[in-house]
Amino acid sequence: MSKFRPIVAVASLLLLLLLVVAPDTALGKMHPEPCFEPADFCRETGHGGFTFSPDGCNTCRCTQDGQLESCTMVMCPQDMSDKAWTDHCAELRRKAEAPIPVQEDEAL
């Protein structure tokens, strides 16, 4: 019998206990859903051609007429408490709604 087997067993038991007892406090909570609905965002804001992130991971783009053109669909769960997730979503929404800077064409 390996001398490390009891150590691994105890460590595994402690990790399991932590996951069962405090999943939403110690490790946070998995939030795989977007912070806001991308299609609604495009329609409400009217940012034609605008690219934004509804979850801090995926990227979406609005068409010129305020429809949702496309979104990446990567699973990117955020491991954080409910309050941290709410704050995270509020920050993403604030950034997404920020005025779009106008870029002037540079002279050749």
C-alpha atoms as a PDB file:
ATOM      1  CA  MET A   1       0.000   0.000   0.000  1.00  0.00           C
ATOM      2  CA  SER A   2       1.320   3.417  -0.963  1.00  0.00           C
ATOM      3  CA  LYS A   3       2.161   5.799   1.852  1.00  0.00           C
ATOM      4  CA  PHE A   4       0.364   8.583  -0.071  1.00  0.00           C
ATOM      5  CA  ARG A   5      -2.971   6.768  -0.362  1.00  0.00           C
ATOM      6  CA  PRO A   6      -4.285   7.939   3.072  1.00  0.00           C
ATOM      7  CA  ILE A   7      -3.291  11.538   2.274  1.00  0.00           C
ATOM      8  CA  VAL A   8      -5.075  11.435  -1.077  1.00  0.00           C
ATOM      9  CA  ALA A   9      -8.159   9.903   0.543  1.00  0.00           C
ATOM     10  CA  VAL A  10      -8.305  12.608   3.227  1.00  0.00           C
ATOM     11  CA  ALA A  11      -7.750  15.393   0.682  1.00  0.00           C
ATOM     12  CA  SER A  12     -10.482  13.970  -1.555  1.00  0.00           C
ATOM     13  CA  LEU A  13     -12.873  13.732   1.376  1.00  0.00           C
ATOM     14  CA  LEU A  14     -12.176  17.339   2.396  1.00  0.00           C
ATOM     15  CA  LEU A  15     -12.741  18.577  -1.146  1.00  0.00           C
ATOM     16  CA  LEU A  16     -16.000  16.641  -1.401  1.00  0.00           C
ATOM     17  CA  LEU A  17     -17.126  18.043   1.938  1.00  0.00           C
ATOM     18  CA  LEU A  18     -16.334  21.586   0.786  1.00  0.00           C
ATOM     19  CA  LEU A  19     -18.305  21.099  -2.424  1.00  0.00           C
ATOM     20  CA  VAL A  20     -21.327  19.707  -0.575  1.00  0.00           C
ATOM     21  CA  VAL A  21     -21.385  22.078   2.395  1.00  0.00           C
ATOM     22  CA  ALA A  22     -20.488  25.395   0.776  1.00  0.00           C
ATOM     23  CA  PRO A  23     -20.926  25.338  -2.999  1.00  0.00           C
ATOM     24  CA  ASP A  24     -22.322  28.880  -3.194  1.00  0.00           C
ATOM     25  CA  THR A  25     -20.078  30.501  -0.621  1.00  0.00           C
ATOM     26  CA  ALA A  26     -16.567  29.110  -0.702  1.00  0.00           C
ATOM     27  CA  LEU A  27     -16.313  28.272  -4.370  1.00  0.00           C
ATOM     28  CA  GLY A  28     -18.980  30.506  -5.794  1.00  0.00           C
ATOM     29  CA  LYS A  29     -21.801  29.480  -8.074  1.00  0.00           C
ATOM     30  CA  MET A  30     -21.649  28.546 -11.713  1.00  0.00           C
ATOM     31  CA  HIS A  31     -23.473  31.061 -13.922  1.00  0.00           C
ATOM     32  CA  PRO A  32     -23.388  29.740 -17.500  1.00  0.00           C
ATOM     33  CA  GLU A  33     -26.266  31.909 -18.741  1.00  0.00           C
ATOM     34  CA  PRO A  34     -25.675  35.321 -20.340  1.00  0.00           C
ATOM     35  CA  CYS A  35     -26.162  38.428 -18.225  1.00  0.00           C
ATOM     36  CA  PHE A  36     -28.738  39.784 -20.669  1.00  0.00           C
ATOM     37  CA  GLU A  37     -30.489  38.600 -23.816  1.00  0.00           C
ATOM     38  CA  PRO A  38     -28.394  39.620 -26.861  1.00  0.00           C
ATOM     39  CA  ALA A  39     -31.359  39.956 -29.271  1.00  0.00           C
ATOM     40  CA  ASP A  40     -33.197  42.232 -26.830  1.00  0.00           C
ATOM     41  CA  PHE A  41     -30.041  44.287 -26.351  1.00  0.00           C
ATOM     42  CA  CYS A  42     -29.641  44.875 -30.111  1.00  0.00           C
ATOM     43  CA  ARG A  43     -33.296  45.833 -30.464  1.00  0.00           C
ATOM     44  CA  GLU A  44     -33.341  48.131 -27.404  1.00  0.00           C
ATOM     45  CA  THR A  45     -30.080  49.988 -27.951  1.00  0.00           C
ATOM     46  CA  GLY A  46     -30.136  50.429 -31.723  1.00  0.00           C
ATOM     47  CA  HIS A  47     -26.339  50.158 -31.956  1.00  0.00           C
ATOM     48  CA  GLY A  48     -26.107  49.093 -35.605  1.00  0.00           C
ATOM     49  CA  GLY A  49     -23.042  46.962 -36.319  1.00  0.00           C
ATOM     50  CA  PHE A  50     -22.141  46.998 -32.621  1.00  0.00           C
ATOM     51  CA  THR A  51     -20.114  44.120 -31.144  1.00  0.00           C
ATOM     52  CA  PHE A  52     -20.538  43.335 -27.442  1.00  0.00           C
ATOM     53  CA  SER A  53     -20.247  40.592 -24.845  1.00  0.00           C
ATOM     54  CA  PRO A  54     -23.373  39.460 -22.966  1.00  0.00           C
ATOM     55  CA  ASP A  55     -21.404  37.327 -20.499  1.00  0.00           C
ATOM     56  CA  GLY A  56     -17.757  38.422 -20.518  1.00  0.00           C
ATOM     57  CA  CYS A  57     -16.757  35.487 -22.714  1.00  0.00           C
ATOM     58  CA  ASN A  58     -18.843  35.246 -25.884  1.00  0.00           C
ATOM     59  CA  THR A  59     -19.108  37.961 -28.524  1.00  0.00           C
ATOM     60  CA  CYS A  60     -22.296  39.096 -30.271  1.00  0.00           C
ATOM     61  CA  ARG A  61     -22.899  41.521 -33.110  1.00  0.00           C
ATOM     62  CA  CYS A  62     -25.959  43.601 -33.987  1.00  0.00           C
ATOM     63  CA  THR A  63     -26.996  44.261 -37.593  1.00  0.00           C
ATOM     64  CA  GLN A  64     -27.314  47.836 -38.857  1.00  0.00           C
ATOM     65  CA  ASP A  65     -31.100  47.678 -38.385  1.00  0.00           C
ATOM     66  CA  GLY A  66     -30.977  46.574 -34.721  1.00  0.00           C
ATOM     67  CA  GLN A  67     -31.301  42.812 -35.090  1.00  0.00           C
ATOM     68  CA  LEU A  68     -28.977  40.194 -33.640  1.00  0.00           C
ATOM     69  CA  GLU A  69     -26.564  39.125 -36.377  1.00  0.00           C
ATOM     70  CA  SER A  70     -24.532  36.474 -34.583  1.00  0.00           C
ATOM     71  CA  CYS A  71     -23.079  35.291 -31.277  1.00  0.00           C
ATOM     72  CA  THR A  72     -20.344  32.856 -30.415  1.00  0.00           C
ATOM     73  CA  MET A  73     -21.673  29.968 -28.327  1.00  0.00           C
ATOM     74  CA  VAL A  74     -18.777  29.014 -26.054  1.00  0.00           C
ATOM     75  CA  MET A  75     -19.631  27.611 -22.614  1.00  0.00           C
ATOM     76  CA  CYS A  76     -17.860  29.967 -20.252  1.00  0.00           C
ATOM     77  CA  PRO A  77     -19.244  29.616 -16.737  1.00  0.00           C
ATOM     78  CA  GLN A  78     -18.345  32.301 -14.265  1.00  0.00           C
ATOM     79  CA  ASP A  79     -17.467  30.886 -10.857  1.00  0.00           C
ATOM     80  CA  MET A  80     -18.624  33.566  -8.429  1.00  0.00           C
ATOM     81  CA  SER A  81     -21.214  34.371  -5.794  1.00  0.00           C
ATOM     82  CA  ASP A  82     -24.639  35.704  -6.759  1.00  0.00           C
ATOM     83  CA  LYS A  83     -23.685  39.262  -5.720  1.00  0.00           C
ATOM     84  CA  ALA A  84     -20.430  39.130  -7.674  1.00  0.00           C
ATOM     85  CA  TRP A  85     -22.345  37.794 -10.713  1.00  0.00           C
ATOM     86  CA  THR A  86     -24.906  40.613 -10.411  1.00  0.00           C
ATOM     87  CA  ASP A  87     -22.098  43.191 -10.208  1.00  0.00           C
ATOM     88  CA  HIS A  88     -20.298  41.518 -13.134  1.00  0.00           C
ATOM     89  CA  CYS A  89     -23.470  41.648 -15.262  1.00  0.00           C
ATOM     90  CA  ALA A  90     -24.127  45.286 -14.372  1.00  0.00           C
ATOM     91  CA  GLU A  91     -20.593  46.187 -15.458  1.00  0.00           C
ATOM     92  CA  LEU A  92     -20.961  44.272 -18.740  1.00  0.00           C
ATOM     93  CA  ARG A  93     -24.268  45.998 -19.458  1.00  0.00           C
ATOM     94  CA  ARG A  94     -22.758  49.410 -18.639  1.00  0.00           C
ATOM     95  CA  LYS A  95     -19.852  48.771 -21.022  1.00  0.00           C
ATOM     96  CA  ALA A  96     -22.157  47.467 -23.740  1.00  0.00           C
ATOM     97  CA  GLU A  97     -24.409  50.535 -23.494  1.00  0.00           C
ATOM     98  CA  ALA A  98     -21.516  53.003 -23.512  1.00  0.00           C
ATOM     99  CA  PRO A  99     -21.487  55.448 -26.411  1.00  0.00           C
ATOM    100  CA  ILE A 100     -19.606  54.176 -29.416  1.00  0.00           C
ATOM    101  CA  PRO A 101     -16.586  56.380 -30.152  1.00  0.00           C
ATOM    102  CA  VAL A 102     -16.597  57.808 -33.654  1.00  0.00           C
ATOM    103  CA  GLN A 103     -13.407  56.979 -35.519  1.00  0.00           C
ATOM    104  CA  GLU A 104     -12.401  59.501 -38.101  1.00  0.00           C
ATOM    105  CA  ASP A 105     -10.845  58.278 -41.321  1.00  0.00           C
ATOM    106  CA  GLU A 106      -7.125  58.825 -41.356  1.00  0.00           C
ATOM    107  CA  ALA A 107      -5.648  60.662 -44.303  1.00  0.00           C
ATOM    108  CA  LEU A 108      -3.349  58.664 -46.556  1.00  0.00           C
END
